[in-house]
C-alpha atoms as a PDB file:
ATOM      1  CA  UNK A   1     -12.953  -8.879  22.475  1.00  0.00           C
ATOM      2  CA  UNK A   2     -12.556 -10.215  18.972  1.00  0.00           C
ATOM      3  CA  UNK A   3     -11.997  -7.417  16.457  1.00  0.00           C
ATOM      4  CA  UNK A   4     -13.531  -9.380  13.592  1.00  0.00           C
ATOM      5  CA  UNK A   5     -16.869  -9.292  15.417  1.00  0.00           C
ATOM      6  CA  UNK A   6     -16.836  -5.527  16.066  1.00  0.00           C
ATOM      7  CA  UNK A   7     -19.372  -3.861  13.765  1.00  0.00           C
ATOM      8  CA  UNK A   8     -17.801  -0.374  13.859  1.00  0.00           C
ATOM      9  CA  UNK A   9     -14.367  -1.738  12.952  1.00  0.00           C
ATOM     10  CA  UNK A  10     -15.868  -3.720  10.086  1.00  0.00           C
ATOM     11  CA  UNK A  11     -17.523  -0.548   8.773  1.00  0.00           C
ATOM     12  CA  UNK A  12     -14.217   1.360   8.912  1.00  0.00           C
ATOM     13  CA  UNK A  13     -12.486  -1.602   7.242  1.00  0.00           C
ATOM     14  CA  UNK A  14     -15.028  -1.635   4.406  1.00  0.00           C
ATOM     15  CA  UNK A  15     -14.811   2.135   3.914  1.00  0.00           C
ATOM     16  CA  UNK A  16     -11.003   2.045   3.847  1.00  0.00           C
ATOM     17  CA  UNK A  17     -11.090  -0.861   1.373  1.00  0.00           C
ATOM     18  CA  UNK A  18     -13.472   1.003  -0.944  1.00  0.00           C
ATOM     19  CA  UNK A  19     -11.450   4.212  -0.704  1.00  0.00           C
ATOM     20  CA  UNK A  20      -8.251   2.271  -1.416  1.00  0.00           C
ATOM     21  CA  UNK A  21      -9.782   0.753  -4.540  1.00  0.00           C
ATOM     22  CA  UNK A  22     -11.093   4.151  -5.638  1.00  0.00           C
ATOM     23  CA  UNK A  23      -7.686   5.811  -5.215  1.00  0.00           C
ATOM     24  CA  UNK A  24      -5.943   2.912  -6.979  1.00  0.00           C
ATOM     25  CA  UNK A  25      -8.173   3.438 -10.019  1.00  0.00           C
ATOM     26  CA  UNK A  26      -7.656   7.220  -9.980  1.00  0.00           C
ATOM     27  CA  UNK A  27      -3.877   6.888  -9.586  1.00  0.00           C
ATOM     28  CA  UNK A  28      -3.757   4.290 -12.360  1.00  0.00           C
ATOM     29  CA  UNK A  29      -5.623   6.661 -14.693  1.00  0.00           C
ATOM     30  CA  UNK A  30      -3.185   9.472 -13.868  1.00  0.00           C
ATOM     31  CA  UNK A  31      -0.205   7.146 -14.228  1.00  0.00           C
ATOM     32  CA  UNK A  32      -1.066   6.479 -17.862  1.00  0.00           C
ATOM     33  CA  UNK A  33       0.015  10.074 -18.569  1.00  0.00           C
ATOM     34  CA  UNK A  34       3.408   9.399 -16.986  1.00  0.00           C
ATOM     35  CA  UNK A  35       4.511   6.413 -19.047  1.00  0.00           C
ATOM     36  CA  UNK A  36       7.341   7.357 -21.400  1.00  0.00           C
ATOM     37  CA  UNK A  37      10.427   5.545 -22.704  1.00  0.00           C
ATOM     38  CA  UNK A  38      12.309   7.030 -19.722  1.00  0.00           C
ATOM     39  CA  UNK A  39       9.564   5.974 -17.289  1.00  0.00           C
ATOM     40  CA  UNK A  40       8.094   2.664 -18.460  1.00  0.00           C
ATOM     41  CA  UNK A  41       6.554   2.057 -15.004  1.00  0.00           C
ATOM     42  CA  UNK A  42       5.128   5.575 -14.709  1.00  0.00           C
ATOM     43  CA  UNK A  43       5.395   7.119 -11.245  1.00  0.00           C
ATOM     44  CA  UNK A  44       7.024   3.948  -9.891  1.00  0.00           C
ATOM     45  CA  UNK A  45       9.969   4.648 -12.184  1.00  0.00           C
ATOM     46  CA  UNK A  46      10.444   7.923 -10.321  1.00  0.00           C
ATOM     47  CA  UNK A  47       9.889   6.335  -6.902  1.00  0.00           C
ATOM     48  CA  UNK A  48      12.603   3.745  -7.448  1.00  0.00           C
ATOM     49  CA  UNK A  49      15.099   6.032  -9.156  1.00  0.00           C
ATOM     50  CA  UNK A  50      18.107   6.217  -6.923  1.00  0.00           C
ATOM     51  CA  UNK A  51      20.492   8.290  -8.960  1.00  0.00           C
ATOM     52  CA  UNK A  52      20.501  11.759 -10.437  1.00  0.00           C
ATOM     53  CA  UNK A  53      21.457  10.656 -13.975  1.00  0.00           C
ATOM     54  CA  UNK A  54      18.250   8.649 -14.408  1.00  0.00           C
ATOM     55  CA  UNK A  55      16.322  11.396 -12.634  1.00  0.00           C
ATOM     56  CA  UNK A  56      17.572  13.913 -15.224  1.00  0.00           C
ATOM     57  CA  UNK A  57      16.121  11.767 -18.022  1.00  0.00           C
ATOM     58  CA  UNK A  58      12.804  11.491 -16.153  1.00  0.00           C
ATOM     59  CA  UNK A  59      12.588  15.237 -15.582  1.00  0.00           C
ATOM     60  CA  UNK A  60      13.355  15.833 -19.242  1.00  0.00           C
ATOM     61  CA  UNK A  61      10.672  13.349 -20.324  1.00  0.00           C
ATOM     62  CA  UNK A  62       8.116  14.862 -17.954  1.00  0.00           C
ATOM     63  CA  UNK A  63       8.769  18.496 -18.834  1.00  0.00           C
ATOM     64  CA  UNK A  64       5.485  20.407 -19.071  1.00  0.00           C
ATOM     65  CA  UNK A  65       2.121  18.673 -18.670  1.00  0.00           C
ATOM     66  CA  UNK A  66       3.430  15.267 -17.482  1.00  0.00           C
ATOM     67  CA  UNK A  67       5.125  17.055 -14.593  1.00  0.00           C
ATOM     68  CA  UNK A  68       1.722  18.390 -13.521  1.00  0.00           C
ATOM     69  CA  UNK A  69       0.287  14.866 -13.706  1.00  0.00           C
ATOM     70  CA  UNK A  70       3.145  13.621 -11.519  1.00  0.00           C
ATOM     71  CA  UNK A  71       2.488  16.341  -8.940  1.00  0.00           C
ATOM     72  CA  UNK A  72      -1.239  15.532  -8.974  1.00  0.00           C
ATOM     73  CA  UNK A  73      -0.436  11.847  -8.499  1.00  0.00           C
ATOM     74  CA  UNK A  74       1.800  12.568  -5.510  1.00  0.00           C
ATOM     75  CA  UNK A  75      -0.826  14.828  -3.964  1.00  0.00           C
ATOM     76  CA  UNK A  76      -3.634  12.286  -4.323  1.00  0.00           C
ATOM     77  CA  UNK A  77      -1.280   9.606  -3.014  1.00  0.00           C
ATOM     78  CA  UNK A  78      -1.487  11.184   0.456  1.00  0.00           C
ATOM     79  CA  UNK A  79      -5.203  10.300   0.649  1.00  0.00           C
ATOM     80  CA  UNK A  80      -4.428   6.833  -0.742  1.00  0.00           C
ATOM     81  CA  UNK A  81      -1.793   6.359   1.969  1.00  0.00           C
ATOM     82  CA  UNK A  82      -4.374   6.975   4.689  1.00  0.00           C
ATOM     83  CA  UNK A  83      -6.841   4.544   3.131  1.00  0.00           C
ATOM     84  CA  UNK A  84      -4.491   1.658   2.317  1.00  0.00           C
ATOM     85  CA  UNK A  85      -2.591   1.814   5.616  1.00  0.00           C
ATOM     86  CA  UNK A  86      -5.894   1.876   7.511  1.00  0.00           C
ATOM     87  CA  UNK A  87      -7.164  -1.090   5.522  1.00  0.00           C
ATOM     88  CA  UNK A  88      -4.000  -3.168   5.905  1.00  0.00           C
ATOM     89  CA  UNK A  89      -3.702  -2.329   9.614  1.00  0.00           C
ATOM     90  CA  UNK A  90      -7.313  -3.296  10.306  1.00  0.00           C
ATOM     91  CA  UNK A  91      -7.405  -6.444   8.169  1.00  0.00           C
ATOM     92  CA  UNK A  92      -4.160  -7.753   9.689  1.00  0.00           C
ATOM     93  CA  UNK A  93      -5.422  -7.038  13.203  1.00  0.00           C
ATOM     94  CA  UNK A  94      -8.825  -8.584  12.482  1.00  0.00           C
ATOM     95  CA  UNK A  95      -7.287 -11.754  11.084  1.00  0.00           C
ATOM     96  CA  UNK A  96      -4.876 -11.885  14.024  1.00  0.00           C
ATOM     97  CA  UNK A  97      -7.850 -11.602  16.374  1.00  0.00           C
ATOM     98  CA  UNK A  98      -9.716 -14.327  14.549  1.00  0.00           C
ATOM     99  CA  UNK A  99      -6.777 -16.740  14.847  1.00  0.00           C
ATOM    100  CA  UNK A 100      -5.765 -15.695  18.380  1.00  0.00           C
ATOM    101  CA  UNK A 101      -6.815 -18.938  20.063  1.00  0.00           C
ATOM    102  CA  UNK A 102      -6.112 -21.452  17.302  1.00  0.00           C
ATOM    103  CA  UNK A 103      -2.891 -20.347  15.647  1.00  0.00           C
ATOM    104  CA  UNK A 104      -0.618 -18.138  17.739  1.00  0.00           C
ATOM    105  CA  UNK A 105       1.969 -17.726  14.967  1.00  0.00           C
ATOM    106  CA  UNK A 106      -0.627 -16.445  12.495  1.00  0.00           C
ATOM    107  CA  UNK A 107      -2.018 -14.142  15.158  1.00  0.00           C
ATOM    108  CA  UNK A 108       1.386 -12.722  16.145  1.00  0.00           C
ATOM    109  CA  UNK A 109       2.413 -12.260  12.519  1.00  0.00           C
ATOM    110  CA  UNK A 110      -0.794 -10.317  11.869  1.00  0.00           C
ATOM    111  CA  UNK A 111      -0.235  -8.089  14.891  1.00  0.00           C
ATOM    112  CA  UNK A 112       3.360  -7.359  13.859  1.00  0.00           C
ATOM    113  CA  UNK A 113       2.536  -6.726  10.192  1.00  0.00           C
ATOM    114  CA  UNK A 114      -0.538  -4.674  11.047  1.00  0.00           C
ATOM    115  CA  UNK A 115       1.482  -2.582  13.485  1.00  0.00           C
ATOM    116  CA  UNK A 116       4.062  -1.892  10.766  1.00  0.00           C
ATOM    117  CA  UNK A 117       1.541  -0.397   8.336  1.00  0.00           C
ATOM    118  CA  UNK A 118       1.692   3.085   9.910  1.00  0.00           C
ATOM    119  CA  UNK A 119       5.475   2.862   9.366  1.00  0.00           C
ATOM    120  CA  UNK A 120       4.793   2.021   5.701  1.00  0.00           C
ATOM    121  CA  UNK A 121       2.512   5.045   5.513  1.00  0.00           C
ATOM    122  CA  UNK A 122       5.146   7.321   7.038  1.00  0.00           C
ATOM    123  CA  UNK A 123       7.744   5.962   4.611  1.00  0.00           C
ATOM    124  CA  UNK A 124       5.343   6.640   1.721  1.00  0.00           C
ATOM    125  CA  UNK A 125       4.727  10.184   2.972  1.00  0.00           C
ATOM    126  CA  UNK A 126       8.461  10.774   3.288  1.00  0.00           C
ATOM    127  CA  UNK A 127       8.990   9.400  -0.187  1.00  0.00           C
ATOM    128  CA  UNK A 128       6.339  11.763  -1.564  1.00  0.00           C
ATOM    129  CA  UNK A 129       7.907  14.712   0.248  1.00  0.00           C
ATOM    130  CA  UNK A 130      11.318  14.012  -1.317  1.00  0.00           C
ATOM    131  CA  UNK A 131       9.790  13.448  -4.759  1.00  0.00           C
ATOM    132  CA  UNK A 132       7.747  16.660  -4.608  1.00  0.00           C
ATOM    133  CA  UNK A 133      10.855  18.589  -3.537  1.00  0.00           C
ATOM    134  CA  UNK A 134      12.709  17.143  -6.507  1.00  0.00           C
ATOM    135  CA  UNK A 135       9.920  17.872  -8.998  1.00  0.00           C
ATOM    136  CA  UNK A 136       9.470  21.428  -7.739  1.00  0.00           C
ATOM    137  CA  UNK A 137      13.209  22.066  -8.085  1.00  0.00           C
ATOM    138  CA  UNK A 138      12.984  20.707 -11.655  1.00  0.00           C
ATOM    139  CA  UNK A 139      16.552  19.516 -11.326  1.00  0.00           C
ATOM    140  CA  UNK A 140      18.179  16.401  -9.967  1.00  0.00           C
ATOM    141  CA  UNK A 141      18.545  16.536  -6.201  1.00  0.00           C
ATOM    142  CA  UNK A 142      20.404  14.130  -3.961  1.00  0.00           C
ATOM    143  CA  UNK A 143      17.250  13.579  -1.906  1.00  0.00           C
ATOM    144  CA  UNK A 144      16.133  11.219  -4.675  1.00  0.00           C
ATOM    145  CA  UNK A 145      18.221   8.533  -2.947  1.00  0.00           C
ATOM    146  CA  UNK A 146      16.208   9.092   0.256  1.00  0.00           C
ATOM    147  CA  UNK A 147      12.991   8.810  -1.740  1.00  0.00           C
ATOM    148  CA  UNK A 148      14.157   5.436  -3.052  1.00  0.00           C
ATOM    149  CA  UNK A 149      15.001   4.149   0.449  1.00  0.00           C
ATOM    150  CA  UNK A 150      11.557   5.226   1.665  1.00  0.00           C
ATOM    151  CA  UNK A 151       9.882   3.634  -1.377  1.00  0.00           C
ATOM    152  CA  UNK A 152      11.687   0.328  -0.895  1.00  0.00           C
ATOM    153  CA  UNK A 153      10.754   0.250   2.811  1.00  0.00           C
ATOM    154  CA  UNK A 154       7.124   1.004   1.919  1.00  0.00           C
ATOM    155  CA  UNK A 155       7.008  -1.697  -0.757  1.00  0.00           C
ATOM    156  CA  UNK A 156       8.527  -4.294   1.595  1.00  0.00           C
ATOM    157  CA  UNK A 157       6.103  -3.574   4.450  1.00  0.00           C
ATOM    158  CA  UNK A 158       3.011  -3.377   2.238  1.00  0.00           C
ATOM    159  CA  UNK A 159       4.021  -6.500   0.289  1.00  0.00           C
ATOM    160  CA  UNK A 160       4.555  -8.435   3.523  1.00  0.00           C
ATOM    161  CA  UNK A 161       1.083  -7.457   4.751  1.00  0.00           C
ATOM    162  CA  UNK A 162      -0.479  -8.381   1.400  1.00  0.00           C
ATOM    163  CA  UNK A 163       1.308 -11.747   1.424  1.00  0.00           C
ATOM    164  CA  UNK A 164       0.078 -12.367   4.990  1.00  0.00           C
ATOM    165  CA  UNK A 165      -3.439 -11.447   3.917  1.00  0.00           C
ATOM    166  CA  UNK A 166      -3.387 -13.843   0.960  1.00  0.00           C
ATOM    167  CA  UNK A 167      -1.928 -16.726   2.980  1.00  0.00           C
ATOM    168  CA  UNK A 168      -4.393 -16.317   5.851  1.00  0.00           C
ATOM    169  CA  UNK A 169      -7.354 -15.959   3.502  1.00  0.00           C
ATOM    170  CA  UNK A 170      -6.226 -19.128   1.711  1.00  0.00           C
ATOM    171  CA  UNK A 171      -6.109 -21.023   5.021  1.00  0.00           C
ATOM    172  CA  UNK A 172      -9.441 -19.522   6.106  1.00  0.00           C
ATOM    173  CA  UNK A 173     -11.061 -20.633   2.845  1.00  0.00           C
ATOM    174  CA  UNK A 174      -9.480 -24.075   3.117  1.00  0.00           C
ATOM    175  CA  UNK A 175     -10.726 -24.375   6.707  1.00  0.00           C
ATOM    176  CA  UNK A 176     -14.260 -23.346   5.777  1.00  0.00           C
ATOM    177  CA  UNK A 177     -14.361 -25.754   2.847  1.00  0.00           C
ATOM    178  CA  UNK A 178     -13.154 -28.583   5.098  1.00  0.00           C
ATOM    179  CA  UNK A 179     -15.830 -27.758   7.693  1.00  0.00           C
ATOM    180  CA  UNK A 180     -18.489 -27.463   5.003  1.00  0.00           C
ATOM    181  CA  UNK A 181     -17.621 -30.859   3.521  1.00  0.00           C
ATOM    182  CA  UNK A 182     -17.716 -32.446   6.970  1.00  0.00           C
ATOM    183  CA  UNK A 183     -21.101 -30.850   7.722  1.00  0.00           C
ATOM    184  CA  UNK A 184     -19.757 -28.771  10.600  1.00  0.00           C
ATOM    185  CA  UNK A 185     -19.727 -25.460   8.714  1.00  0.00           C
ATOM    186  CA  UNK A 186     -21.560 -22.540  10.238  1.00  0.00           C
ATOM    187  CA  UNK A 187     -21.205 -19.240   8.400  1.00  0.00           C
ATOM    188  CA  UNK A 188     -19.670 -16.407  10.398  1.00  0.00           C
ATOM    189  CA  UNK A 189     -21.287 -13.055  11.123  1.00  0.00           C
END
């Protein structure tokens, strides 16, 4: 069975895409409260901090209300994790299914990258756990290095899936335009 033709999966894909966009907007709005000279990239500055000296400057800059915004961001991020990992898993698997017969490499890459999205989600959850522990302690903890490792793993896996998605969508568009110009184009479901 081809996943891209399954109506229920398409509904779940669309819901997870909409939820992902919603949470991205919400997290971006929260992140504006976290941008300081010590954290020019907002929460990402904290995620990628690997040492306690930089962490001390972040904690100092976020003392008070910004710390609450950071905690809110990390809490909401758990819902975002479920939505974006679901979306990336499903879209990679659907594209892999669509290219199963014509391009085995594209199909296998989609299956591998889709299968790795739950790992990205677990890494993101672990990262959040270590960051929340650090923020609740309100002092630099060594677990910040573990948070950075988890963040880097998450960013690599999610970026690879996004790159796959863009490349496959480019080839899909190119293929459809070629078929349309040759008169053999028939729109999909």
